[in-house]
């Protein structure tokens, strides 16, 4: 089975700590685990807690804050195993309904030893 990243994007200016959302996400997590699709998941602190590390001219430069200045930031993610993209999209639809935000689906690159 192939692994997929389900990335949750949030508008940090428009978030709430709604207990119903946490409950729906917990239920979705349990469903993923029960189906054997769960690999790993995590919620993230706001992008203001991030540090960006760059290699520039042989030096390391660190700056506070998100890398991209956008309205939406990465708020959390799931890593799942699914038979194909359609199955991953089905899981993403359930995840989006649970967390109330858009979920981006991206397959992991296959390692050379997995290709053949």
PDB file of N, CA and C in Angstrom:
ATOM      1  N   UNK A   1       0.835  -1.180   0.000  1.00  0.00           N
ATOM      2  CA  UNK A   1       0.000   0.000   0.000  1.00  0.00           C
ATOM      3  C   UNK A   1       0.877   1.239   0.000  1.00  0.00           C
ATOM      4  N   UNK A   2       0.376   2.255  -0.601  1.00  0.00           N
ATOM      5  CA  UNK A   2       1.099   3.512  -0.718  1.00  0.00           C
ATOM      6  C   UNK A   2       0.748   4.431   0.454  1.00  0.00           C
ATOM      7  N   UNK A   3       1.691   5.266   0.856  1.00  0.00           N
ATOM      8  CA  UNK A   3       1.435   6.229   1.917  1.00  0.00           C
ATOM      9  C   UNK A   3       1.082   7.584   1.324  1.00  0.00           C
ATOM     10  N   UNK A   4       0.165   8.261   2.002  1.00  0.00           N
ATOM     11  CA  UNK A   4      -0.301   9.584   1.584  1.00  0.00           C
ATOM     12  C   UNK A   4      -0.265  10.536   2.770  1.00  0.00           C
ATOM     13  N   UNK A   5       0.040  11.789   2.478  1.00  0.00           N
ATOM     14  CA  UNK A   5      -0.059  12.858   3.455  1.00  0.00           C
ATOM     15  C   UNK A   5      -1.419  13.521   3.261  1.00  0.00           C
ATOM     16  N   UNK A   6      -2.181  13.619   4.340  1.00  0.00           N
ATOM     17  CA  UNK A   6      -3.411  14.393   4.342  1.00  0.00           C
ATOM     18  C   UNK A   6      -3.110  15.630   5.176  1.00  0.00           C
ATOM     19  N   UNK A   7      -2.892  16.766   4.519  1.00  0.00           N
ATOM     20  CA  UNK A   7      -2.483  17.996   5.188  1.00  0.00           C
ATOM     21  C   UNK A   7      -3.693  18.896   5.411  1.00  0.00           C
ATOM     22  N   UNK A   8      -3.910  19.286   6.650  1.00  0.00           N
ATOM     23  CA  UNK A   8      -5.027  20.156   7.009  1.00  0.00           C
ATOM     24  C   UNK A   8      -4.548  21.600   6.951  1.00  0.00           C
ATOM     25  N   UNK A   9      -5.248  22.415   6.179  1.00  0.00           N
ATOM     26  CA  UNK A   9      -4.914  23.835   6.070  1.00  0.00           C
ATOM     27  C   UNK A   9      -5.953  24.646   6.831  1.00  0.00           C
ATOM     28  N   UNK A  10      -5.474  25.596   7.624  1.00  0.00           N
ATOM     29  CA  UNK A  10      -6.383  26.410   8.436  1.00  0.00           C
ATOM     30  C   UNK A  10      -6.077  27.886   8.256  1.00  0.00           C
ATOM     31  N   UNK A  11      -7.094  28.702   8.468  1.00  0.00           N
ATOM     32  CA  UNK A  11      -6.930  30.153   8.542  1.00  0.00           C
ATOM     33  C   UNK A  11      -6.733  30.465  10.022  1.00  0.00           C
ATOM     34  N   UNK A  12      -5.514  30.801  10.396  1.00  0.00           N
ATOM     35  CA  UNK A  12      -5.206  31.001  11.815  1.00  0.00           C
ATOM     36  C   UNK A  12      -5.955  32.182  12.419  1.00  0.00           C
ATOM     37  N   UNK A  13      -6.466  33.077  11.582  1.00  0.00           N
ATOM     38  CA  UNK A  13      -7.240  34.212  12.080  1.00  0.00           C
ATOM     39  C   UNK A  13      -8.700  33.842  12.316  1.00  0.00           C
ATOM     40  N   UNK A  14      -9.067  32.637  11.924  1.00  0.00           N
ATOM     41  CA  UNK A  14     -10.470  32.243  11.990  1.00  0.00           C
ATOM     42  C   UNK A  14     -10.591  30.827  12.558  1.00  0.00           C
ATOM     43  N   UNK A  15      -9.974  30.588  13.703  1.00  0.00           N
ATOM     44  CA  UNK A  15     -10.019  29.254  14.302  1.00  0.00           C
ATOM     45  C   UNK A  15     -10.714  29.311  15.650  1.00  0.00           C
ATOM     46  N   UNK A  16     -11.227  28.195  16.032  1.00  0.00           N
ATOM     47  CA  UNK A  16     -11.843  28.089  17.354  1.00  0.00           C
ATOM     48  C   UNK A  16     -11.397  26.779  17.988  1.00  0.00           C
ATOM     49  N   UNK A  17     -11.540  26.690  19.272  1.00  0.00           N
ATOM     50  CA  UNK A  17     -11.215  25.438  19.962  1.00  0.00           C
ATOM     51  C   UNK A  17     -12.520  24.722  20.285  1.00  0.00           C
ATOM     52  N   UNK A  18     -13.333  24.541  19.275  1.00  0.00           N
ATOM     53  CA  UNK A  18     -14.635  23.908  19.401  1.00  0.00           C
ATOM     54  C   UNK A  18     -14.465  22.450  19.800  1.00  0.00           C
ATOM     55  N   UNK A  19     -15.025  22.085  20.936  1.00  0.00           N
ATOM     56  CA  UNK A  19     -14.911  20.709  21.431  1.00  0.00           C
ATOM     57  C   UNK A  19     -15.513  19.705  20.447  1.00  0.00           C
ATOM     58  N   UNK A  20     -16.546  20.116  19.704  1.00  0.00           N
ATOM     59  CA  UNK A  20     -17.168  19.215  18.726  1.00  0.00           C
ATOM     60  C   UNK A  20     -16.177  18.838  17.630  1.00  0.00           C
ATOM     61  N   UNK A  21     -15.319  19.781  17.233  1.00  0.00           N
ATOM     62  CA  UNK A  21     -14.302  19.484  16.213  1.00  0.00           C
ATOM     63  C   UNK A  21     -13.321  18.453  16.753  1.00  0.00           C
ATOM     64  N   UNK A  22     -12.860  18.648  17.983  1.00  0.00           N
ATOM     65  CA  UNK A  22     -11.926  17.686  18.582  1.00  0.00           C
ATOM     66  C   UNK A  22     -12.560  16.299  18.669  1.00  0.00           C
ATOM     67  N   UNK A  23     -13.822  16.242  19.002  1.00  0.00           N
ATOM     68  CA  UNK A  23     -14.527  14.960  19.096  1.00  0.00           C
ATOM     69  C   UNK A  23     -14.610  14.291  17.727  1.00  0.00           C
ATOM     70  N   UNK A  24     -14.962  15.061  16.687  1.00  0.00           N
ATOM     71  CA  UNK A  24     -15.060  14.491  15.332  1.00  0.00           C
ATOM     72  C   UNK A  24     -13.697  14.004  14.843  1.00  0.00           C
ATOM     73  N   UNK A  25     -12.649  14.748  15.141  1.00  0.00           N
ATOM     74  CA  UNK A  25     -11.307  14.335  14.728  1.00  0.00           C
ATOM     75  C   UNK A  25     -10.897  13.070  15.487  1.00  0.00           C
ATOM     76  N   UNK A  26     -11.201  12.993  16.772  1.00  0.00           N
ATOM     77  CA  UNK A  26     -10.913  11.772  17.537  1.00  0.00           C
ATOM     78  C   UNK A  26     -11.630  10.567  16.940  1.00  0.00           C
ATOM     79  N   UNK A  27     -12.882  10.754  16.537  1.00  0.00           N
ATOM     80  CA  UNK A  27     -13.652   9.668  15.922  1.00  0.00           C
ATOM     81  C   UNK A  27     -13.051   9.272  14.576  1.00  0.00           C
ATOM     82  N   UNK A  28     -12.624  10.261  13.795  1.00  0.00           N
ATOM     83  CA  UNK A  28     -11.974   9.974  12.507  1.00  0.00           C
ATOM     84  C   UNK A  28     -10.672   9.218  12.729  1.00  0.00           C
ATOM     85  N   UNK A  29      -9.886   9.651  13.716  1.00  0.00           N
ATOM     86  CA  UNK A  29      -8.633   8.952  14.032  1.00  0.00           C
ATOM     87  C   UNK A  29      -8.903   7.497  14.395  1.00  0.00           C
ATOM     88  N   UNK A  30      -9.926   7.262  15.194  1.00  0.00           N
ATOM     89  CA  UNK A  30     -10.281   5.892  15.586  1.00  0.00           C
ATOM     90  C   UNK A  30     -10.695   5.071  14.366  1.00  0.00           C
ATOM     91  N   UNK A  31     -11.416   5.687  13.432  1.00  0.00           N
ATOM     92  CA  UNK A  31     -11.821   4.985  12.212  1.00  0.00           C
ATOM     93  C   UNK A  31     -10.607   4.614  11.361  1.00  0.00           C
ATOM     94  N   UNK A  32      -9.664   5.551  11.217  1.00  0.00           N
ATOM     95  CA  UNK A  32      -8.430   5.260  10.485  1.00  0.00           C
ATOM     96  C   UNK A  32      -7.684   4.092  11.122  1.00  0.00           C
ATOM     97  N   UNK A  33      -7.565   4.117  12.440  1.00  0.00           N
ATOM     98  CA  UNK A  33      -6.848   3.068  13.152  1.00  0.00           C
ATOM     99  C   UNK A  33      -7.554   1.724  13.002  1.00  0.00           C
ATOM    100  N   UNK A  34      -8.852   1.730  13.123  1.00  0.00           N
ATOM    101  CA  UNK A  34      -9.631   0.499  13.014  1.00  0.00           C
ATOM    102  C   UNK A  34      -9.516  -0.123  11.624  1.00  0.00           C
ATOM    103  N   UNK A  35      -9.425   0.722  10.607  1.00  0.00           N
ATOM    104  CA  UNK A  35      -9.328   0.244   9.229  1.00  0.00           C
ATOM    105  C   UNK A  35      -7.902  -0.154   8.848  1.00  0.00           C
ATOM    106  N   UNK A  36      -6.933   0.121   9.717  1.00  0.00           N
ATOM    107  CA  UNK A  36      -5.537  -0.204   9.410  1.00  0.00           C
ATOM    108  C   UNK A  36      -4.880   0.797   8.478  1.00  0.00           C
ATOM    109  N   UNK A  37      -5.490   1.980   8.300  1.00  0.00           N
ATOM    110  CA  UNK A  37      -4.937   2.999   7.405  1.00  0.00           C
ATOM    111  C   UNK A  37      -4.038   3.990   8.145  1.00  0.00           C
ATOM    112  N   UNK A  38      -4.118   4.023   9.456  1.00  0.00           N
ATOM    113  CA  UNK A  38      -3.379   4.972  10.290  1.00  0.00           C
ATOM    114  C   UNK A  38      -1.887   4.668  10.258  1.00  0.00           C
ATOM    115  N   UNK A  39      -1.068   5.687  10.012  1.00  0.00           N
ATOM    116  CA  UNK A  39       0.378   5.580  10.181  1.00  0.00           C
ATOM    117  C   UNK A  39       0.815   6.538  11.279  1.00  0.00           C
ATOM    118  N   UNK A  40       0.415   7.809  11.149  1.00  0.00           N
ATOM    119  CA  UNK A  40       0.824   8.833  12.109  1.00  0.00           C
ATOM    120  C   UNK A  40      -0.024  10.072  11.863  1.00  0.00           C
ATOM    121  N   UNK A  41      -0.223  10.876  12.893  1.00  0.00           N
ATOM    122  CA  UNK A  41      -0.951  12.131  12.743  1.00  0.00           C
ATOM    123  C   UNK A  41      -0.488  13.104  13.806  1.00  0.00           C
ATOM    124  N   UNK A  42      -0.733  14.375  13.571  1.00  0.00           N
ATOM    125  CA  UNK A  42      -0.394  15.376  14.572  1.00  0.00           C
ATOM    126  C   UNK A  42      -0.979  16.723  14.234  1.00  0.00           C
ATOM    127  N   UNK A  43      -1.355  17.440  15.285  1.00  0.00           N
ATOM    128  CA  UNK A  43      -1.768  18.826  15.153  1.00  0.00           C
ATOM    129  C   UNK A  43      -0.564  19.707  15.436  1.00  0.00           C
ATOM    130  N   UNK A  44      -0.558  20.877  14.852  1.00  0.00           N
ATOM    131  CA  UNK A  44       0.585  21.771  14.980  1.00  0.00           C
ATOM    132  C   UNK A  44       0.217  23.045  15.726  1.00  0.00           C
ATOM    133  N   UNK A  45       1.187  23.605  16.430  1.00  0.00           N
ATOM    134  CA  UNK A  45       1.011  24.927  17.031  1.00  0.00           C
ATOM    135  C   UNK A  45       0.891  25.947  15.900  1.00  0.00           C
ATOM    136  N   UNK A  46       0.416  27.155  16.183  1.00  0.00           N
ATOM    137  CA  UNK A  46       0.289  28.179  15.137  1.00  0.00           C
ATOM    138  C   UNK A  46       1.623  28.460  14.450  1.00  0.00           C
ATOM    139  N   UNK A  47       1.538  28.973  13.241  1.00  0.00           N
ATOM    140  CA  UNK A  47       2.755  29.239  12.461  1.00  0.00           C
ATOM    141  C   UNK A  47       3.652  30.261  13.137  1.00  0.00           C
ATOM    142  N   UNK A  48       3.110  31.068  14.037  1.00  0.00           N
ATOM    143  CA  UNK A  48       3.941  32.027  14.771  1.00  0.00           C
ATOM    144  C   UNK A  48       4.959  31.323  15.664  1.00  0.00           C
ATOM    145  N   UNK A  49       4.752  30.041  15.941  1.00  0.00           N
ATOM    146  CA  UNK A  49       5.691  29.270  16.756  1.00  0.00           C
ATOM    147  C   UNK A  49       6.782  28.623  15.908  1.00  0.00           C
ATOM    148  N   UNK A  50       6.722  28.823  14.588  1.00  0.00           N
ATOM    149  CA  UNK A  50       7.679  28.148  13.708  1.00  0.00           C
ATOM    150  C   UNK A  50       8.985  28.919  13.569  1.00  0.00           C
ATOM    151  N   UNK A  51      10.010  28.197  13.185  1.00  0.00           N
ATOM    152  CA  UNK A  51      11.312  28.761  12.852  1.00  0.00           C
ATOM    153  C   UNK A  51      11.708  28.213  11.494  1.00  0.00           C
ATOM    154  N   UNK A  52      12.137  29.090  10.609  1.00  0.00           N
ATOM    155  CA  UNK A  52      12.548  28.689   9.270  1.00  0.00           C
ATOM    156  C   UNK A  52      14.068  28.650   9.232  1.00  0.00           C
ATOM    157  N   UNK A  53      14.628  27.558   8.729  1.00  0.00           N
ATOM    158  CA  UNK A  53      16.077  27.380   8.633  1.00  0.00           C
ATOM    159  C   UNK A  53      16.451  27.341   7.156  1.00  0.00           C
ATOM    160  N   UNK A  54      17.383  28.203   6.765  1.00  0.00           N
ATOM    161  CA  UNK A  54      17.840  28.265   5.372  1.00  0.00           C
ATOM    162  C   UNK A  54      19.360  28.108   5.332  1.00  0.00           C
ATOM    163  N   UNK A  55      19.825  27.464   4.279  1.00  0.00           N
ATOM    164  CA  UNK A  55      21.267  27.414   4.003  1.00  0.00           C
ATOM    165  C   UNK A  55      21.519  28.440   2.907  1.00  0.00           C
ATOM    166  N   UNK A  56      22.293  29.484   3.234  1.00  0.00           N
ATOM    167  CA  UNK A  56      22.565  30.552   2.284  1.00  0.00           C
ATOM    168  C   UNK A  56      24.058  30.859   2.262  1.00  0.00           C
ATOM    169  N   UNK A  57      24.666  30.675   1.107  1.00  0.00           N
ATOM    170  CA  UNK A  57      26.078  31.008   0.963  1.00  0.00           C
ATOM    171  C   UNK A  57      26.972  30.312   1.962  1.00  0.00           C
ATOM    172  N   UNK A  58      26.676  29.062   2.271  1.00  0.00           N
ATOM    173  CA  UNK A  58      27.490  28.303   3.206  1.00  0.00           C
ATOM    174  C   UNK A  58      27.196  28.593   4.666  1.00  0.00           C
ATOM    175  N   UNK A  59      26.204  29.441   4.937  1.00  0.00           N
ATOM    176  CA  UNK A  59      25.829  29.758   6.306  1.00  0.00           C
ATOM    177  C   UNK A  59      24.395  29.311   6.552  1.00  0.00           C
ATOM    178  N   UNK A  60      24.092  29.112   7.810  1.00  0.00           N
ATOM    179  CA  UNK A  60      22.726  28.773   8.203  1.00  0.00           C
ATOM    180  C   UNK A  60      22.070  30.032   8.751  1.00  0.00           C
ATOM    181  N   UNK A  61      20.904  30.349   8.205  1.00  0.00           N
ATOM    182  CA  UNK A  61      20.154  31.524   8.633  1.00  0.00           C
ATOM    183  C   UNK A  61      18.808  31.050   9.168  1.00  0.00           C
ATOM    184  N   UNK A  62      18.464  31.485  10.372  1.00  0.00           N
ATOM    185  CA  UNK A  62      17.164  31.129  10.945  1.00  0.00           C
ATOM    186  C   UNK A  62      16.336  32.396  11.125  1.00  0.00           C
ATOM    187  N   UNK A  63      15.040  32.265  10.851  1.00  0.00           N
ATOM    188  CA  UNK A  63      14.109  33.380  11.042  1.00  0.00           C
ATOM    189  C   UNK A  63      12.853  32.847  11.716  1.00  0.00           C
ATOM    190  N   UNK A  64      12.189  33.731  12.439  1.00  0.00           N
ATOM    191  CA  UNK A  64      10.927  33.375  13.080  1.00  0.00           C
ATOM    192  C   UNK A  64       9.792  33.406  12.078  1.00  0.00           C
ATOM    193  N   UNK A  65       8.760  32.639  12.390  1.00  0.00           N
ATOM    194  CA  UNK A  65       7.534  32.720  11.613  1.00  0.00           C
ATOM    195  C   UNK A  65       7.480  31.767  10.451  1.00  0.00           C
ATOM    196  N   UNK A  66       6.340  31.781   9.784  1.00  0.00           N
ATOM    197  CA  UNK A  66       6.151  30.823   8.684  1.00  0.00           C
ATOM    198  C   UNK A  66       7.011  31.152   7.476  1.00  0.00           C
ATOM    199  N   UNK A  67       7.292  30.120   6.678  1.00  0.00           N
ATOM    200  CA  UNK A  67       8.049  30.294   5.447  1.00  0.00           C
ATOM    201  C   UNK A  67       7.246  31.091   4.439  1.00  0.00           C
ATOM    202  N   UNK A  68       5.977  30.741   4.286  1.00  0.00           N
ATOM    203  CA  UNK A  68       5.119  31.408   3.304  1.00  0.00           C
ATOM    204  C   UNK A  68       4.162  32.353   4.013  1.00  0.00           C
ATOM    205  N   UNK A  69       4.047  33.550   3.502  1.00  0.00           N
ATOM    206  CA  UNK A  69       3.097  34.511   4.045  1.00  0.00           C
ATOM    207  C   UNK A  69       1.793  34.335   3.293  1.00  0.00           C
ATOM    208  N   UNK A  70       0.921  33.513   3.837  1.00  0.00           N
ATOM    209  CA  UNK A  70      -0.360  33.228   3.200  1.00  0.00           C
ATOM    210  C   UNK A  70      -1.461  33.299   4.247  1.00  0.00           C
ATOM    211  N   UNK A  71      -2.695  33.320   3.766  1.00  0.00           N
ATOM    212  CA  UNK A  71      -3.839  33.342   4.672  1.00  0.00           C
ATOM    213  C   UNK A  71      -3.972  32.012   5.399  1.00  0.00           C
ATOM    214  N   UNK A  72      -3.747  30.918   4.674  1.00  0.00           N
ATOM    215  CA  UNK A  72      -3.872  29.591   5.273  1.00  0.00           C
ATOM    216  C   UNK A  72      -2.496  29.005   5.558  1.00  0.00           C
ATOM    217  N   UNK A  73      -2.398  28.318   6.684  1.00  0.00           N
ATOM    218  CA  UNK A  73      -1.161  27.657   7.078  1.00  0.00           C
ATOM    219  C   UNK A  73      -1.451  26.189   7.362  1.00  0.00           C
ATOM    220  N   UNK A  74      -0.404  25.388   7.407  1.00  0.00           N
ATOM    221  CA  UNK A  74      -0.544  23.987   7.778  1.00  0.00           C
ATOM    222  C   UNK A  74      -0.898  23.910   9.256  1.00  0.00           C
ATOM    223  N   UNK A  75      -2.022  23.269   9.552  1.00  0.00           N
ATOM    224  CA  UNK A  75      -2.478  23.194  10.933  1.00  0.00           C
ATOM    225  C   UNK A  75      -2.315  21.818  11.552  1.00  0.00           C
ATOM    226  N   UNK A  76      -2.181  20.810  10.717  1.00  0.00           N
ATOM    227  CA  UNK A  76      -2.031  19.447  11.197  1.00  0.00           C
ATOM    228  C   UNK A  76      -1.999  18.500  10.014  1.00  0.00           C
ATOM    229  N   UNK A  77      -1.867  17.217  10.296  1.00  0.00           N
ATOM    230  CA  UNK A  77      -1.739  16.260   9.198  1.00  0.00           C
ATOM    231  C   UNK A  77      -2.015  14.852   9.674  1.00  0.00           C
ATOM    232  N   UNK A  78      -2.303  14.001   8.705  1.00  0.00           N
ATOM    233  CA  UNK A  78      -2.344  12.556   8.901  1.00  0.00           C
ATOM    234  C   UNK A  78      -1.431  11.947   7.862  1.00  0.00           C
ATOM    235  N   UNK A  79      -0.752  10.894   8.200  1.00  0.00           N
ATOM    236  CA  UNK A  79      -0.064  10.050   7.231  1.00  0.00           C
ATOM    237  C   UNK A  79      -0.813   8.735   7.254  1.00  0.00           C
ATOM    238  N   UNK A  80      -1.307   8.342   6.092  1.00  0.00           N
ATOM    239  CA  UNK A  80      -2.125   7.141   6.007  1.00  0.00           C
ATOM    240  C   UNK A  80      -1.564   6.192   4.964  1.00  0.00           C
ATOM    241  N   UNK A  81      -2.031   4.963   5.003  1.00  0.00           N
ATOM    242  CA  UNK A  81      -1.770   3.997   3.944  1.00  0.00           C
ATOM    243  C   UNK A  81      -3.089   3.729   3.250  1.00  0.00           C
ATOM    244  N   UNK A  82      -3.068   3.779   1.925  1.00  0.00           N
ATOM    245  CA  UNK A  82      -4.277   3.539   1.140  1.00  0.00           C
ATOM    246  C   UNK A  82      -3.900   2.784  -0.118  1.00  0.00           C
ATOM    247  N   UNK A  83      -4.842   2.024  -0.637  1.00  0.00           N
ATOM    248  CA  UNK A  83      -4.596   1.204  -1.825  1.00  0.00           C
ATOM    249  C   UNK A  83      -4.290   2.060  -3.043  1.00  0.00           C
ATOM    250  N   UNK A  84      -4.931   3.223  -3.147  1.00  0.00           N
ATOM    251  CA  UNK A  84      -4.731   4.090  -4.303  1.00  0.00           C
ATOM    252  C   UNK A  84      -5.212   5.495  -3.967  1.00  0.00           C
ATOM    253  N   UNK A  85      -5.070   6.407  -4.941  1.00  0.00           N
ATOM    254  CA  UNK A  85      -5.445   7.798  -4.716  1.00  0.00           C
ATOM    255  C   UNK A  85      -6.928   7.934  -4.392  1.00  0.00           C
ATOM    256  N   UNK A  86      -7.771   7.171  -5.066  1.00  0.00           N
ATOM    257  CA  UNK A  86      -9.206   7.264  -4.788  1.00  0.00           C
ATOM    258  C   UNK A  86      -9.514   6.937  -3.330  1.00  0.00           C
ATOM    259  N   UNK A  87      -8.876   5.916  -2.790  1.00  0.00           N
ATOM    260  CA  UNK A  87      -9.085   5.554  -1.388  1.00  0.00           C
ATOM    261  C   UNK A  87      -8.560   6.658  -0.469  1.00  0.00           C
ATOM    262  N   UNK A  88      -7.414   7.250  -0.810  1.00  0.00           N
ATOM    263  CA  UNK A  88      -6.865   8.350  -0.017  1.00  0.00           C
ATOM    264  C   UNK A  88      -7.803   9.557  -0.054  1.00  0.00           C
ATOM    265  N   UNK A  89      -8.401   9.819  -1.212  1.00  0.00           N
ATOM    266  CA  UNK A  89      -9.346  10.933  -1.335  1.00  0.00           C
ATOM    267  C   UNK A  89     -10.601  10.693  -0.499  1.00  0.00           C
ATOM    268  N   UNK A  90     -11.040   9.451  -0.428  1.00  0.00           N
ATOM    269  CA  UNK A  90     -12.186   9.116   0.431  1.00  0.00           C
ATOM    270  C   UNK A  90     -11.860   9.419   1.898  1.00  0.00           C
ATOM    271  N   UNK A  91     -10.663   9.029   2.339  1.00  0.00           N
ATOM    272  CA  UNK A  91     -10.255   9.331   3.705  1.00  0.00           C
ATOM    273  C   UNK A  91     -10.147  10.842   3.917  1.00  0.00           C
ATOM    274  N   UNK A  92      -9.599  11.548   2.931  1.00  0.00           N
ATOM    275  CA  UNK A  92      -9.455  13.005   3.052  1.00  0.00           C
ATOM    276  C   UNK A  92     -10.811  13.685   3.188  1.00  0.00           C
ATOM    277  N   UNK A  93     -11.811  13.190   2.468  1.00  0.00           N
ATOM    278  CA  UNK A  93     -13.157  13.763   2.571  1.00  0.00           C
ATOM    279  C   UNK A  93     -13.681  13.610   3.994  1.00  0.00           C
ATOM    280  N   UNK A  94     -13.449  12.458   4.597  1.00  0.00           N
ATOM    281  CA  UNK A  94     -13.880  12.241   5.982  1.00  0.00           C
ATOM    282  C   UNK A  94     -13.085  13.132   6.939  1.00  0.00           C
ATOM    283  N   UNK A  95     -11.798  13.289   6.679  1.00  0.00           N
ATOM    284  CA  UNK A  95     -10.968  14.148   7.521  1.00  0.00           C
ATOM    285  C   UNK A  95     -11.386  15.603   7.424  1.00  0.00           C
ATOM    286  N   UNK A  96     -11.699  16.062   6.205  1.00  0.00           N
ATOM    287  CA  UNK A  96     -12.138  17.438   6.018  1.00  0.00           C
ATOM    288  C   UNK A  96     -13.456  17.693   6.746  1.00  0.00           C
ATOM    289  N   UNK A  97     -14.358  16.723   6.690  1.00  0.00           N
ATOM    290  CA  UNK A  97     -15.629  16.861   7.405  1.00  0.00           C
ATOM    291  C   UNK A  97     -15.397  16.895   8.912  1.00  0.00           C
ATOM    292  N   UNK A  98     -14.448  16.100   9.390  1.00  0.00           N
ATOM    293  CA  UNK A  98     -14.171  16.038  10.830  1.00  0.00           C
ATOM    294  C   UNK A  98     -13.581  17.336  11.343  1.00  0.00           C
ATOM    295  N   UNK A  99     -12.598  17.882  10.628  1.00  0.00           N
ATOM    296  CA  UNK A  99     -11.897  19.061  11.145  1.00  0.00           C
ATOM    297  C   UNK A  99     -12.482  20.375  10.646  1.00  0.00           C
ATOM    298  N   UNK A 100     -13.355  20.313   9.649  1.00  0.00           N
ATOM    299  CA  UNK A 100     -13.993  21.526   9.163  1.00  0.00           C
ATOM    300  C   UNK A 100     -13.099  22.413   8.323  1.00  0.00           C
ATOM    301  N   UNK A 101     -12.067  21.856   7.727  1.00  0.00           N
ATOM    302  CA  UNK A 101     -11.162  22.636   6.886  1.00  0.00           C
ATOM    303  C   UNK A 101     -10.713  21.827   5.697  1.00  0.00           C
ATOM    304  N   UNK A 102     -10.084  22.494   4.723  1.00  0.00           N
ATOM    305  CA  UNK A 102      -9.600  21.775   3.545  1.00  0.00           C
ATOM    306  C   UNK A 102      -8.453  20.840   3.885  1.00  0.00           C
ATOM    307  N   UNK A 103      -8.410  19.719   3.175  1.00  0.00           N
ATOM    308  CA  UNK A 103      -7.360  18.720   3.372  1.00  0.00           C
ATOM    309  C   UNK A 103      -6.705  18.446   2.021  1.00  0.00           C
ATOM    310  N   UNK A 104      -5.418  18.688   1.948  1.00  0.00           N
ATOM    311  CA  UNK A 104      -4.629  18.423   0.736  1.00  0.00           C
ATOM    312  C   UNK A 104      -4.115  16.994   0.798  1.00  0.00           C
ATOM    313  N   UNK A 105      -4.210  16.280  -0.319  1.00  0.00           N
ATOM    314  CA  UNK A 105      -3.748  14.886  -0.403  1.00  0.00           C
ATOM    315  C   UNK A 105      -2.517  14.837  -1.300  1.00  0.00           C
ATOM    316  N   UNK A 106      -1.428  14.271  -0.776  1.00  0.00           N
ATOM    317  CA  UNK A 106      -0.207  14.129  -1.575  1.00  0.00           C
ATOM    318  C   UNK A 106       0.416  12.770  -1.308  1.00  0.00           C
ATOM    319  N   UNK A 107       0.723  12.037  -2.385  1.00  0.00           N
ATOM    320  CA  UNK A 107       1.401  10.752  -2.192  1.00  0.00           C
ATOM    321  C   UNK A 107       2.871  10.978  -1.845  1.00  0.00           C
ATOM    322  N   UNK A 108       3.401  10.073  -1.045  1.00  0.00           N
ATOM    323  CA  UNK A 108       4.831  10.083  -0.776  1.00  0.00           C
ATOM    324  C   UNK A 108       5.556   9.523  -1.995  1.00  0.00           C
ATOM    325  N   UNK A 109       6.750  10.003  -2.241  1.00  0.00           N
ATOM    326  CA  UNK A 109       7.575   9.435  -3.301  1.00  0.00           C
ATOM    327  C   UNK A 109       7.972   8.036  -2.904  1.00  0.00           C
ATOM    328  N   UNK A 110       7.996   7.154  -3.882  1.00  0.00           N
ATOM    329  CA  UNK A 110       8.418   5.781  -3.601  1.00  0.00           C
ATOM    330  C   UNK A 110       9.932   5.728  -3.485  1.00  0.00           C
ATOM    331  N   UNK A 111      10.400   4.917  -2.563  1.00  0.00           N
ATOM    332  CA  UNK A 111      11.831   4.713  -2.400  1.00  0.00           C
ATOM    333  C   UNK A 111      12.280   3.733  -3.497  1.00  0.00           C
ATOM    334  N   UNK A 112      13.518   3.847  -3.973  1.00  0.00           N
ATOM    335  CA  UNK A 112      13.982   2.964  -5.052  1.00  0.00           C
ATOM    336  C   UNK A 112      13.763   1.485  -4.754  1.00  0.00           C
ATOM    337  N   UNK A 113      13.942   1.069  -3.517  1.00  0.00           N
ATOM    338  CA  UNK A 113      13.768  -0.347  -3.185  1.00  0.00           C
ATOM    339  C   UNK A 113      12.293  -0.766  -3.237  1.00  0.00           C
ATOM    340  N   UNK A 114      11.368   0.205  -3.201  1.00  0.00           N
ATOM    341  CA  UNK A 114       9.939  -0.096  -3.252  1.00  0.00           C
ATOM    342  C   UNK A 114       9.397  -0.164  -4.669  1.00  0.00           C
ATOM    343  N   UNK A 115      10.199   0.212  -5.657  1.00  0.00           N
ATOM    344  CA  UNK A 115       9.716   0.327  -7.025  1.00  0.00           C
ATOM    345  C   UNK A 115       9.831  -0.966  -7.824  1.00  0.00           C
ATOM    346  N   UNK A 116      10.374  -1.951  -7.285  1.00  0.00           N
ATOM    347  CA  UNK A 116      10.554  -3.023  -8.185  1.00  0.00           C
ATOM    348  C   UNK A 116      10.558  -4.370  -7.748  1.00  0.00           C
TER     349      UNK A 116
END
